[in-house]
């Protein structure tokens, strides 16, 4: 019997590519070093889907160009075990702490405050 793998959604911009906040609807930045190995390691234990709101055709071409087309793309927040995103806050039950995290939030790739 095949083991059911839990789903993990991985955001494209800022997680898998070198996104820097300068969005273009016609171009996806290059893949980050280590992204392929990261996906490969995860896919051994989890079902992995790339999450993006970008044009599906453009995103699929990007996956093909970067030799990671074995992963499917979704723009739907599917029921998943985990989400990996550069713009998220993990809620731990404490609203005050969560508000502080929201108001102090900076994405990892942003170099200026």
PDB file of N, CA and C in Angstrom:
ATOM      1  N   UNK A   1       0.828  -1.178   0.000  1.00  0.00           N
ATOM      2  CA  UNK A   1       0.000   0.000   0.000  1.00  0.00           C
ATOM      3  C   UNK A   1       0.878   1.249   0.000  1.00  0.00           C
ATOM      4  N   UNK A   2       0.575   2.176  -0.914  1.00  0.00           N
ATOM      5  CA  UNK A   2       1.353   3.404  -1.034  1.00  0.00           C
ATOM      6  C   UNK A   2       1.051   4.348   0.124  1.00  0.00           C
ATOM      7  N   UNK A   3       2.106   4.882   0.746  1.00  0.00           N
ATOM      8  CA  UNK A   3       1.966   5.810   1.867  1.00  0.00           C
ATOM      9  C   UNK A   3       1.431   7.148   1.369  1.00  0.00           C
ATOM     10  N   UNK A   4       0.390   7.652   2.045  1.00  0.00           N
ATOM     11  CA  UNK A   4      -0.160   8.965   1.721  1.00  0.00           C
ATOM     12  C   UNK A   4       0.808  10.039   2.222  1.00  0.00           C
ATOM     13  N   UNK A   5       1.204  10.942   1.339  1.00  0.00           N
ATOM     14  CA  UNK A   5       2.096  12.022   1.722  1.00  0.00           C
ATOM     15  C   UNK A   5       1.289  13.280   2.034  1.00  0.00           C
ATOM     16  N   UNK A   6       1.659  13.957   3.094  1.00  0.00           N
ATOM     17  CA  UNK A   6       1.023  15.231   3.434  1.00  0.00           C
ATOM     18  C   UNK A   6       1.475  16.291   2.426  1.00  0.00           C
ATOM     19  N   UNK A   7       0.574  17.214   2.115  1.00  0.00           N
ATOM     20  CA  UNK A   7       0.840  18.266   1.143  1.00  0.00           C
ATOM     21  C   UNK A   7       1.528  19.461   1.789  1.00  0.00           C
ATOM     22  N   UNK A   8       2.558  19.963   1.106  1.00  0.00           N
ATOM     23  CA  UNK A   8       3.203  21.214   1.483  1.00  0.00           C
ATOM     24  C   UNK A   8       3.135  22.138   0.272  1.00  0.00           C
ATOM     25  N   UNK A   9       2.636  23.350   0.490  1.00  0.00           N
ATOM     26  CA  UNK A   9       2.609  24.365  -0.553  1.00  0.00           C
ATOM     27  C   UNK A   9       3.831  25.261  -0.381  1.00  0.00           C
ATOM     28  N   UNK A  10       4.589  25.442  -1.466  1.00  0.00           N
ATOM     29  CA  UNK A  10       5.798  26.259  -1.450  1.00  0.00           C
ATOM     30  C   UNK A  10       5.573  27.470  -2.351  1.00  0.00           C
ATOM     31  N   UNK A  11       5.686  28.663  -1.813  1.00  0.00           N
ATOM     32  CA  UNK A  11       5.518  29.879  -2.588  1.00  0.00           C
ATOM     33  C   UNK A  11       6.673  30.024  -3.585  1.00  0.00           C
ATOM     34  N   UNK A  12       6.356  30.518  -4.768  1.00  0.00           N
ATOM     35  CA  UNK A  12       7.379  30.696  -5.799  1.00  0.00           C
ATOM     36  C   UNK A  12       8.229  31.941  -5.542  1.00  0.00           C
ATOM     37  N   UNK A  13       7.590  33.113  -5.540  1.00  0.00           N
ATOM     38  CA  UNK A  13       8.342  34.365  -5.398  1.00  0.00           C
ATOM     39  C   UNK A  13       8.885  34.552  -3.991  1.00  0.00           C
ATOM     40  N   UNK A  14      10.182  34.762  -3.902  1.00  0.00           N
ATOM     41  CA  UNK A  14      10.819  35.019  -2.615  1.00  0.00           C
ATOM     42  C   UNK A  14      11.231  33.779  -1.854  1.00  0.00           C
ATOM     43  N   UNK A  15      10.758  32.617  -2.300  1.00  0.00           N
ATOM     44  CA  UNK A  15      11.155  31.364  -1.659  1.00  0.00           C
ATOM     45  C   UNK A  15      12.003  30.548  -2.638  1.00  0.00           C
ATOM     46  N   UNK A  16      11.481  30.323  -3.827  1.00  0.00           N
ATOM     47  CA  UNK A  16      12.206  29.519  -4.814  1.00  0.00           C
ATOM     48  C   UNK A  16      13.008  30.360  -5.796  1.00  0.00           C
ATOM     49  N   UNK A  17      12.645  31.632  -5.936  1.00  0.00           N
ATOM     50  CA  UNK A  17      13.391  32.470  -6.875  1.00  0.00           C
ATOM     51  C   UNK A  17      13.977  33.687  -6.175  1.00  0.00           C
ATOM     52  N   UNK A  18      14.762  34.446  -6.915  1.00  0.00           N
ATOM     53  CA  UNK A  18      15.442  35.612  -6.353  1.00  0.00           C
ATOM     54  C   UNK A  18      14.585  36.870  -6.476  1.00  0.00           C
ATOM     55  N   UNK A  19      13.337  36.753  -6.106  1.00  0.00           N
ATOM     56  CA  UNK A  19      12.409  37.886  -6.130  1.00  0.00           C
ATOM     57  C   UNK A  19      12.890  38.969  -5.184  1.00  0.00           C
ATOM     58  N   UNK A  20      12.820  40.228  -5.633  1.00  0.00           N
ATOM     59  CA  UNK A  20      13.292  41.337  -4.811  1.00  0.00           C
ATOM     60  C   UNK A  20      12.243  42.433  -4.635  1.00  0.00           C
ATOM     61  N   UNK A  21      10.985  42.116  -4.938  1.00  0.00           N
ATOM     62  CA  UNK A  21       9.919  43.090  -4.783  1.00  0.00           C
ATOM     63  C   UNK A  21       9.555  43.809  -6.063  1.00  0.00           C
ATOM     64  N   UNK A  22      10.353  43.644  -7.091  1.00  0.00           N
ATOM     65  CA  UNK A  22      10.084  44.298  -8.378  1.00  0.00           C
ATOM     66  C   UNK A  22       9.353  43.311  -9.279  1.00  0.00           C
ATOM     67  N   UNK A  23       8.042  43.304  -9.155  1.00  0.00           N
ATOM     68  CA  UNK A  23       7.197  42.348  -9.872  1.00  0.00           C
ATOM     69  C   UNK A  23       7.072  42.709 -11.348  1.00  0.00           C
ATOM     70  N   UNK A  24       7.151  41.699 -12.193  1.00  0.00           N
ATOM     71  CA  UNK A  24       6.867  41.830 -13.621  1.00  0.00           C
ATOM     72  C   UNK A  24       5.953  40.675 -14.008  1.00  0.00           C
ATOM     73  N   UNK A  25       4.883  40.975 -14.700  1.00  0.00           N
ATOM     74  CA  UNK A  25       3.957  39.923 -15.126  1.00  0.00           C
ATOM     75  C   UNK A  25       4.519  39.095 -16.271  1.00  0.00           C
ATOM     76  N   UNK A  26       5.650  39.538 -16.843  1.00  0.00           N
ATOM     77  CA  UNK A  26       6.233  38.859 -18.000  1.00  0.00           C
ATOM     78  C   UNK A  26       7.553  38.163 -17.701  1.00  0.00           C
ATOM     79  N   UNK A  27       8.015  38.242 -16.476  1.00  0.00           N
ATOM     80  CA  UNK A  27       9.328  37.701 -16.133  1.00  0.00           C
ATOM     81  C   UNK A  27       9.321  37.166 -14.706  1.00  0.00           C
ATOM     82  N   UNK A  28       9.900  35.976 -14.531  1.00  0.00           N
ATOM     83  CA  UNK A  28      10.092  35.407 -13.193  1.00  0.00           C
ATOM     84  C   UNK A  28      11.595  35.359 -12.932  1.00  0.00           C
ATOM     85  N   UNK A  29      12.058  35.920 -11.825  1.00  0.00           N
ATOM     86  CA  UNK A  29      13.489  35.926 -11.525  1.00  0.00           C
ATOM     87  C   UNK A  29      14.090  34.516 -11.474  1.00  0.00           C
ATOM     88  N   UNK A  30      15.405  34.467 -11.557  1.00  0.00           N
ATOM     89  CA  UNK A  30      16.102  33.175 -11.585  1.00  0.00           C
ATOM     90  C   UNK A  30      15.923  32.406 -10.284  1.00  0.00           C
ATOM     91  N   UNK A  31      16.094  31.121 -10.397  1.00  0.00           N
ATOM     92  CA  UNK A  31      15.944  30.222  -9.249  1.00  0.00           C
ATOM     93  C   UNK A  31      17.056  30.492  -8.233  1.00  0.00           C
ATOM     94  N   UNK A  32      16.711  30.372  -6.959  1.00  0.00           N
ATOM     95  CA  UNK A  32      17.701  30.563  -5.893  1.00  0.00           C
ATOM     96  C   UNK A  32      18.571  29.314  -5.765  1.00  0.00           C
ATOM     97  N   UNK A  33      19.812  29.538  -5.411  1.00  0.00           N
ATOM     98  CA  UNK A  33      20.721  28.423  -5.153  1.00  0.00           C
ATOM     99  C   UNK A  33      20.158  27.591  -4.008  1.00  0.00           C
ATOM    100  N   UNK A  34      20.128  26.299  -4.195  1.00  0.00           N
ATOM    101  CA  UNK A  34      19.646  25.384  -3.169  1.00  0.00           C
ATOM    102  C   UNK A  34      18.172  25.040  -3.292  1.00  0.00           C
ATOM    103  N   UNK A  35      17.426  25.745  -4.143  1.00  0.00           N
ATOM    104  CA  UNK A  35      15.979  25.512  -4.250  1.00  0.00           C
ATOM    105  C   UNK A  35      15.669  24.103  -4.760  1.00  0.00           C
ATOM    106  N   UNK A  36      16.400  23.641  -5.762  1.00  0.00           N
ATOM    107  CA  UNK A  36      16.156  22.290  -6.308  1.00  0.00           C
ATOM    108  C   UNK A  36      16.380  21.226  -5.240  1.00  0.00           C
ATOM    109  N   UNK A  37      17.474  21.324  -4.514  1.00  0.00           N
ATOM    110  CA  UNK A  37      17.770  20.355  -3.450  1.00  0.00           C
ATOM    111  C   UNK A  37      16.718  20.423  -2.345  1.00  0.00           C
ATOM    112  N   UNK A  38      16.273  21.628  -2.014  1.00  0.00           N
ATOM    113  CA  UNK A  38      15.233  21.830  -1.016  1.00  0.00           C
ATOM    114  C   UNK A  38      13.955  21.096  -1.414  1.00  0.00           C
ATOM    115  N   UNK A  39      13.529  21.279  -2.665  1.00  0.00           N
ATOM    116  CA  UNK A  39      12.322  20.619  -3.158  1.00  0.00           C
ATOM    117  C   UNK A  39      12.493  19.103  -3.204  1.00  0.00           C
ATOM    118  N   UNK A  40      13.654  18.659  -3.663  1.00  0.00           N
ATOM    119  CA  UNK A  40      13.921  17.224  -3.760  1.00  0.00           C
ATOM    120  C   UNK A  40      13.873  16.570  -2.376  1.00  0.00           C
ATOM    121  N   UNK A  41      14.487  17.205  -1.390  1.00  0.00           N
ATOM    122  CA  UNK A  41      14.482  16.671  -0.027  1.00  0.00           C
ATOM    123  C   UNK A  41      13.056  16.593   0.517  1.00  0.00           C
ATOM    124  N   UNK A  42      12.293  17.661   0.338  1.00  0.00           N
ATOM    125  CA  UNK A  42      10.907  17.661   0.816  1.00  0.00           C
ATOM    126  C   UNK A  42      10.060  16.601   0.131  1.00  0.00           C
ATOM    127  N   UNK A  43      10.250  16.436  -1.178  1.00  0.00           N
ATOM    128  CA  UNK A  43       9.393  15.529  -1.948  1.00  0.00           C
ATOM    129  C   UNK A  43       9.587  14.058  -1.580  1.00  0.00           C
ATOM    130  N   UNK A  44      10.652  13.752  -0.870  1.00  0.00           N
ATOM    131  CA  UNK A  44      10.846  12.372  -0.415  1.00  0.00           C
ATOM    132  C   UNK A  44       9.821  11.997   0.658  1.00  0.00           C
ATOM    133  N   UNK A  45       9.380  12.975   1.433  1.00  0.00           N
ATOM    134  CA  UNK A  45       8.450  12.721   2.539  1.00  0.00           C
ATOM    135  C   UNK A  45       7.085  13.377   2.374  1.00  0.00           C
ATOM    136  N   UNK A  46       7.004  14.371   1.473  1.00  0.00           N
ATOM    137  CA  UNK A  46       5.781  15.144   1.321  1.00  0.00           C
ATOM    138  C   UNK A  46       5.393  15.268  -0.149  1.00  0.00           C
ATOM    139  N   UNK A  47       4.109  15.508  -0.379  1.00  0.00           N
ATOM    140  CA  UNK A  47       3.667  15.939  -1.703  1.00  0.00           C
ATOM    141  C   UNK A  47       3.951  17.433  -1.751  1.00  0.00           C
ATOM    142  N   UNK A  48       4.622  17.890  -2.786  1.00  0.00           N
ATOM    143  CA  UNK A  48       5.014  19.285  -2.895  1.00  0.00           C
ATOM    144  C   UNK A  48       4.303  19.919  -4.082  1.00  0.00           C
ATOM    145  N   UNK A  49       3.704  21.078  -3.838  1.00  0.00           N
ATOM    146  CA  UNK A  49       3.114  21.871  -4.910  1.00  0.00           C
ATOM    147  C   UNK A  49       3.659  23.286  -4.802  1.00  0.00           C
ATOM    148  N   UNK A  50       3.897  23.881  -5.974  1.00  0.00           N
ATOM    149  CA  UNK A  50       4.356  25.261  -6.028  1.00  0.00           C
ATOM    150  C   UNK A  50       3.124  26.159  -6.035  1.00  0.00           C
ATOM    151  N   UNK A  51       3.092  27.092  -5.101  1.00  0.00           N
ATOM    152  CA  UNK A  51       1.967  28.009  -4.964  1.00  0.00           C
ATOM    153  C   UNK A  51       2.355  29.357  -5.551  1.00  0.00           C
ATOM    154  N   UNK A  52       1.540  29.853  -6.513  1.00  0.00           N
ATOM    155  CA  UNK A  52       1.799  31.166  -7.096  1.00  0.00           C
ATOM    156  C   UNK A  52       0.525  31.737  -7.682  1.00  0.00           C
ATOM    157  N   UNK A  53       0.433  33.051  -7.670  1.00  0.00           N
ATOM    158  CA  UNK A  53      -0.685  33.716  -8.331  1.00  0.00           C
ATOM    159  C   UNK A  53      -0.265  34.222  -9.706  1.00  0.00           C
ATOM    160  N   UNK A  54       0.947  33.908 -10.105  1.00  0.00           N
ATOM    161  CA  UNK A  54       1.438  34.298 -11.432  1.00  0.00           C
ATOM    162  C   UNK A  54       0.693  33.552 -12.536  1.00  0.00           C
ATOM    163  N   UNK A  55       0.857  34.053 -13.754  1.00  0.00           N
ATOM    164  CA  UNK A  55       0.313  33.388 -14.927  1.00  0.00           C
ATOM    165  C   UNK A  55       0.798  31.947 -14.945  1.00  0.00           C
ATOM    166  N   UNK A  56      -0.142  31.025 -15.045  1.00  0.00           N
ATOM    167  CA  UNK A  56       0.179  29.594 -14.961  1.00  0.00           C
ATOM    168  C   UNK A  56       1.143  29.142 -16.058  1.00  0.00           C
ATOM    169  N   UNK A  57       0.950  29.631 -17.277  1.00  0.00           N
ATOM    170  CA  UNK A  57       1.825  29.252 -18.393  1.00  0.00           C
ATOM    171  C   UNK A  57       3.250  29.737 -18.149  1.00  0.00           C
ATOM    172  N   UNK A  58       3.394  30.982 -17.720  1.00  0.00           N
ATOM    173  CA  UNK A  58       4.716  31.534 -17.427  1.00  0.00           C
ATOM    174  C   UNK A  58       5.388  30.747 -16.300  1.00  0.00           C
ATOM    175  N   UNK A  59       4.622  30.431 -15.261  1.00  0.00           N
ATOM    176  CA  UNK A  59       5.182  29.671 -14.137  1.00  0.00           C
ATOM    177  C   UNK A  59       5.595  28.266 -14.567  1.00  0.00           C
ATOM    178  N   UNK A  60       4.792  27.627 -15.392  1.00  0.00           N
ATOM    179  CA  UNK A  60       5.128  26.282 -15.872  1.00  0.00           C
ATOM    180  C   UNK A  60       6.402  26.320 -16.720  1.00  0.00           C
ATOM    181  N   UNK A  61       6.538  27.336 -17.572  1.00  0.00           N
ATOM    182  CA  UNK A  61       7.760  27.497 -18.376  1.00  0.00           C
ATOM    183  C   UNK A  61       8.974  27.686 -17.467  1.00  0.00           C
ATOM    184  N   UNK A  62       8.797  28.429 -16.381  1.00  0.00           N
ATOM    185  CA  UNK A  62       9.891  28.646 -15.427  1.00  0.00           C
ATOM    186  C   UNK A  62      10.307  27.327 -14.780  1.00  0.00           C
ATOM    187  N   UNK A  63       9.320  26.499 -14.408  1.00  0.00           N
ATOM    188  CA  UNK A  63       9.626  25.189 -13.831  1.00  0.00           C
ATOM    189  C   UNK A  63      10.392  24.324 -14.825  1.00  0.00           C
ATOM    190  N   UNK A  64       9.965  24.327 -16.077  1.00  0.00           N
ATOM    191  CA  UNK A  64      10.629  23.531 -17.118  1.00  0.00           C
ATOM    192  C   UNK A  64      12.059  24.021 -17.314  1.00  0.00           C
ATOM    193  N   UNK A  65      12.243  25.323 -17.447  1.00  0.00           N
ATOM    194  CA  UNK A  65      13.572  25.917 -17.644  1.00  0.00           C
ATOM    195  C   UNK A  65      14.522  25.545 -16.511  1.00  0.00           C
ATOM    196  N   UNK A  66      13.987  25.440 -15.301  1.00  0.00           N
ATOM    197  CA  UNK A  66      14.820  25.160 -14.126  1.00  0.00           C
ATOM    198  C   UNK A  66      14.834  23.684 -13.725  1.00  0.00           C
ATOM    199  N   UNK A  67      14.346  22.829 -14.621  1.00  0.00           N
ATOM    200  CA  UNK A  67      14.366  21.377 -14.410  1.00  0.00           C
ATOM    201  C   UNK A  67      13.664  20.932 -13.127  1.00  0.00           C
ATOM    202  N   UNK A  68      12.533  21.578 -12.845  1.00  0.00           N
ATOM    203  CA  UNK A  68      11.732  21.174 -11.686  1.00  0.00           C
ATOM    204  C   UNK A  68      10.252  21.042 -12.079  1.00  0.00           C
ATOM    205  N   UNK A  69      10.023  20.651 -13.312  1.00  0.00           N
ATOM    206  CA  UNK A  69       8.654  20.542 -13.836  1.00  0.00           C
ATOM    207  C   UNK A  69       7.882  19.365 -13.244  1.00  0.00           C
ATOM    208  N   UNK A  70       8.539  18.523 -12.451  1.00  0.00           N
ATOM    209  CA  UNK A  70       7.832  17.404 -11.825  1.00  0.00           C
ATOM    210  C   UNK A  70       6.892  17.880 -10.717  1.00  0.00           C
ATOM    211  N   UNK A  71       7.008  19.128 -10.307  1.00  0.00           N
ATOM    212  CA  UNK A  71       6.143  19.678  -9.266  1.00  0.00           C
ATOM    213  C   UNK A  71       4.987  20.420  -9.922  1.00  0.00           C
ATOM    214  N   UNK A  72       3.794  20.216  -9.398  1.00  0.00           N
ATOM    215  CA  UNK A  72       2.633  20.886  -9.973  1.00  0.00           C
ATOM    216  C   UNK A  72       2.487  22.288  -9.384  1.00  0.00           C
ATOM    217  N   UNK A  73       1.701  23.086 -10.079  1.00  0.00           N
ATOM    218  CA  UNK A  73       1.467  24.474  -9.689  1.00  0.00           C
ATOM    219  C   UNK A  73       0.011  24.627  -9.270  1.00  0.00           C
ATOM    220  N   UNK A  74      -0.207  25.445  -8.264  1.00  0.00           N
ATOM    221  CA  UNK A  74      -1.569  25.784  -7.864  1.00  0.00           C
ATOM    222  C   UNK A  74      -1.621  27.254  -7.475  1.00  0.00           C
ATOM    223  N   UNK A  75      -2.780  27.863  -7.668  1.00  0.00           N
ATOM    224  CA  UNK A  75      -2.999  29.219  -7.174  1.00  0.00           C
ATOM    225  C   UNK A  75      -4.122  29.218  -6.138  1.00  0.00           C
ATOM    226  N   UNK A  76      -4.441  28.018  -5.672  1.00  0.00           N
ATOM    227  CA  UNK A  76      -5.496  27.818  -4.689  1.00  0.00           C
ATOM    228  C   UNK A  76      -4.863  27.407  -3.367  1.00  0.00           C
ATOM    229  N   UNK A  77      -5.314  28.028  -2.291  1.00  0.00           N
ATOM    230  CA  UNK A  77      -4.826  27.626  -0.971  1.00  0.00           C
ATOM    231  C   UNK A  77      -5.521  26.309  -0.614  1.00  0.00           C
ATOM    232  N   UNK A  78      -4.898  25.223  -1.009  1.00  0.00           N
ATOM    233  CA  UNK A  78      -5.446  23.888  -0.785  1.00  0.00           C
ATOM    234  C   UNK A  78      -5.241  23.477   0.675  1.00  0.00           C
ATOM    235  N   UNK A  79      -6.053  22.548   1.156  1.00  0.00           N
ATOM    236  CA  UNK A  79      -5.815  22.033   2.506  1.00  0.00           C
ATOM    237  C   UNK A  79      -4.426  21.389   2.561  1.00  0.00           C
ATOM    238  N   UNK A  80      -3.524  22.006   3.275  1.00  0.00           N
ATOM    239  CA  UNK A  80      -2.141  21.548   3.294  1.00  0.00           C
ATOM    240  C   UNK A  80      -1.634  21.405   4.718  1.00  0.00           C
ATOM    241  N   UNK A  81      -0.647  20.554   4.876  1.00  0.00           N
ATOM    242  CA  UNK A  81       0.006  20.363   6.163  1.00  0.00           C
ATOM    243  C   UNK A  81       0.761  21.624   6.560  1.00  0.00           C
ATOM    244  N   UNK A  82       1.474  22.202   5.581  1.00  0.00           N
ATOM    245  CA  UNK A  82       2.254  23.415   5.828  1.00  0.00           C
ATOM    246  C   UNK A  82       2.288  24.290   4.586  1.00  0.00           C
ATOM    247  N   UNK A  83       2.492  25.583   4.818  1.00  0.00           N
ATOM    248  CA  UNK A  83       2.750  26.557   3.768  1.00  0.00           C
ATOM    249  C   UNK A  83       4.137  27.131   4.018  1.00  0.00           C
ATOM    250  N   UNK A  84       4.946  27.228   2.970  1.00  0.00           N
ATOM    251  CA  UNK A  84       6.249  27.870   3.096  1.00  0.00           C
ATOM    252  C   UNK A  84       6.190  29.125   2.231  1.00  0.00           C
ATOM    253  N   UNK A  85       6.316  30.275   2.870  1.00  0.00           N
ATOM    254  CA  UNK A  85       6.153  31.544   2.187  1.00  0.00           C
ATOM    255  C   UNK A  85       7.064  32.580   2.823  1.00  0.00           C
ATOM    256  N   UNK A  86       7.508  33.548   2.046  1.00  0.00           N
ATOM    257  CA  UNK A  86       8.357  34.607   2.579  1.00  0.00           C
ATOM    258  C   UNK A  86       7.537  35.737   3.203  1.00  0.00           C
ATOM    259  N   UNK A  87       6.230  35.655   3.089  1.00  0.00           N
ATOM    260  CA  UNK A  87       5.348  36.683   3.652  1.00  0.00           C
ATOM    261  C   UNK A  87       4.269  36.017   4.501  1.00  0.00           C
ATOM    262  N   UNK A  88       4.667  35.519   5.655  1.00  0.00           N
ATOM    263  CA  UNK A  88       3.677  34.868   6.516  1.00  0.00           C
ATOM    264  C   UNK A  88       4.077  35.016   7.981  1.00  0.00           C
ATOM    265  N   UNK A  89       3.086  34.862   8.811  1.00  0.00           N
ATOM    266  CA  UNK A  89       3.249  34.888  10.262  1.00  0.00           C
ATOM    267  C   UNK A  89       2.637  33.597  10.785  1.00  0.00           C
ATOM    268  N   UNK A  90       3.321  32.934  11.679  1.00  0.00           N
ATOM    269  CA  UNK A  90       2.777  31.718  12.278  1.00  0.00           C
ATOM    270  C   UNK A  90       2.008  32.098  13.544  1.00  0.00           C
ATOM    271  N   UNK A  91       0.719  31.854  13.525  1.00  0.00           N
ATOM    272  CA  UNK A  91      -0.134  32.169  14.676  1.00  0.00           C
ATOM    273  C   UNK A  91       0.029  31.092  15.736  1.00  0.00           C
ATOM    274  N   UNK A  92       0.393  31.496  16.952  1.00  0.00           N
ATOM    275  CA  UNK A  92       0.609  30.534  18.042  1.00  0.00           C
ATOM    276  C   UNK A  92      -0.446  30.632  19.136  1.00  0.00           C
ATOM    277  N   UNK A  93      -1.552  31.326  18.849  1.00  0.00           N
ATOM    278  CA  UNK A  93      -2.630  31.444  19.826  1.00  0.00           C
ATOM    279  C   UNK A  93      -2.627  32.755  20.592  1.00  0.00           C
ATOM    280  N   UNK A  94      -1.588  33.549  20.437  1.00  0.00           N
ATOM    281  CA  UNK A  94      -1.438  34.798  21.170  1.00  0.00           C
ATOM    282  C   UNK A  94      -1.659  35.974  20.213  1.00  0.00           C
ATOM    283  N   UNK A  95      -2.812  36.643  20.309  1.00  0.00           N
ATOM    284  CA  UNK A  95      -3.132  37.744  19.396  1.00  0.00           C
ATOM    285  C   UNK A  95      -2.190  38.936  19.571  1.00  0.00           C
ATOM    286  N   UNK A  96      -1.837  39.265  20.785  1.00  0.00           N
ATOM    287  CA  UNK A  96      -0.924  40.397  21.034  1.00  0.00           C
ATOM    288  C   UNK A  96       0.418  40.147  20.359  1.00  0.00           C
ATOM    289  N   UNK A  97       0.962  38.977  20.564  1.00  0.00           N
ATOM    290  CA  UNK A  97       2.242  38.625  19.939  1.00  0.00           C
ATOM    291  C   UNK A  97       2.115  38.649  18.412  1.00  0.00           C
ATOM    292  N   UNK A  98       1.000  38.161  17.895  1.00  0.00           N
ATOM    293  CA  UNK A  98       0.786  38.133  16.450  1.00  0.00           C
ATOM    294  C   UNK A  98       0.694  39.547  15.890  1.00  0.00           C
ATOM    295  N   UNK A  99       0.007  40.444  16.595  1.00  0.00           N
ATOM    296  CA  UNK A  99      -0.049  41.842  16.155  1.00  0.00           C
ATOM    297  C   UNK A  99       1.344  42.455  16.107  1.00  0.00           C
ATOM    298  N   UNK A 100       2.144  42.207  17.133  1.00  0.00           N
ATOM    299  CA  UNK A 100       3.520  42.721  17.153  1.00  0.00           C
ATOM    300  C   UNK A 100       4.308  42.185  15.959  1.00  0.00           C
ATOM    301  N   UNK A 101       4.161  40.902  15.682  1.00  0.00           N
ATOM    302  CA  UNK A 101       4.866  40.311  14.540  1.00  0.00           C
ATOM    303  C   UNK A 101       4.413  40.939  13.221  1.00  0.00           C
ATOM    304  N   UNK A 102       3.133  41.196  13.097  1.00  0.00           N
ATOM    305  CA  UNK A 102       2.600  41.806  11.870  1.00  0.00           C
ATOM    306  C   UNK A 102       3.145  43.214  11.685  1.00  0.00           C
ATOM    307  N   UNK A 103       3.088  44.033  12.725  1.00  0.00           N
ATOM    308  CA  UNK A 103       3.536  45.411  12.607  1.00  0.00           C
ATOM    309  C   UNK A 103       5.047  45.547  12.456  1.00  0.00           C
ATOM    310  N   UNK A 104       5.806  44.564  12.908  1.00  0.00           N
ATOM    311  CA  UNK A 104       7.266  44.589  12.798  1.00  0.00           C
ATOM    312  C   UNK A 104       7.795  43.789  11.599  1.00  0.00           C
ATOM    313  N   UNK A 105       6.906  43.221  10.804  1.00  0.00           N
ATOM    314  CA  UNK A 105       7.294  42.296   9.741  1.00  0.00           C
ATOM    315  C   UNK A 105       8.123  42.957   8.642  1.00  0.00           C
ATOM    316  N   UNK A 106       9.152  42.278   8.219  1.00  0.00           N
ATOM    317  CA  UNK A 106       9.979  42.641   7.052  1.00  0.00           C
ATOM    318  C   UNK A 106      10.302  41.350   6.314  1.00  0.00           C
ATOM    319  N   UNK A 107      10.147  41.374   4.987  1.00  0.00           N
ATOM    320  CA  UNK A 107      10.514  40.179   4.206  1.00  0.00           C
ATOM    321  C   UNK A 107      12.025  40.035   4.198  1.00  0.00           C
ATOM    322  N   UNK A 108      12.498  38.817   4.109  1.00  0.00           N
ATOM    323  CA  UNK A 108      13.929  38.538   4.230  1.00  0.00           C
ATOM    324  C   UNK A 108      14.766  39.184   3.138  1.00  0.00           C
ATOM    325  N   UNK A 109      14.189  39.405   1.965  1.00  0.00           N
ATOM    326  CA  UNK A 109      14.960  39.944   0.848  1.00  0.00           C
ATOM    327  C   UNK A 109      14.975  41.466   0.813  1.00  0.00           C
ATOM    328  N   UNK A 110      14.255  42.110   1.698  1.00  0.00           N
ATOM    329  CA  UNK A 110      14.201  43.564   1.712  1.00  0.00           C
ATOM    330  C   UNK A 110      15.422  44.113   2.467  1.00  0.00           C
ATOM    331  N   UNK A 111      16.219  44.916   1.794  1.00  0.00           N
ATOM    332  CA  UNK A 111      17.462  45.395   2.397  1.00  0.00           C
ATOM    333  C   UNK A 111      17.326  46.728   3.105  1.00  0.00           C
ATOM    334  N   UNK A 112      16.252  47.465   2.818  1.00  0.00           N
ATOM    335  CA  UNK A 112      16.065  48.762   3.489  1.00  0.00           C
ATOM    336  C   UNK A 112      14.774  48.725   4.287  1.00  0.00           C
ATOM    337  N   UNK A 113      14.744  49.511   5.342  1.00  0.00           N
ATOM    338  CA  UNK A 113      13.564  49.583   6.208  1.00  0.00           C
ATOM    339  C   UNK A 113      12.656  50.703   5.751  1.00  0.00           C
TER     340      UNK A 113
END
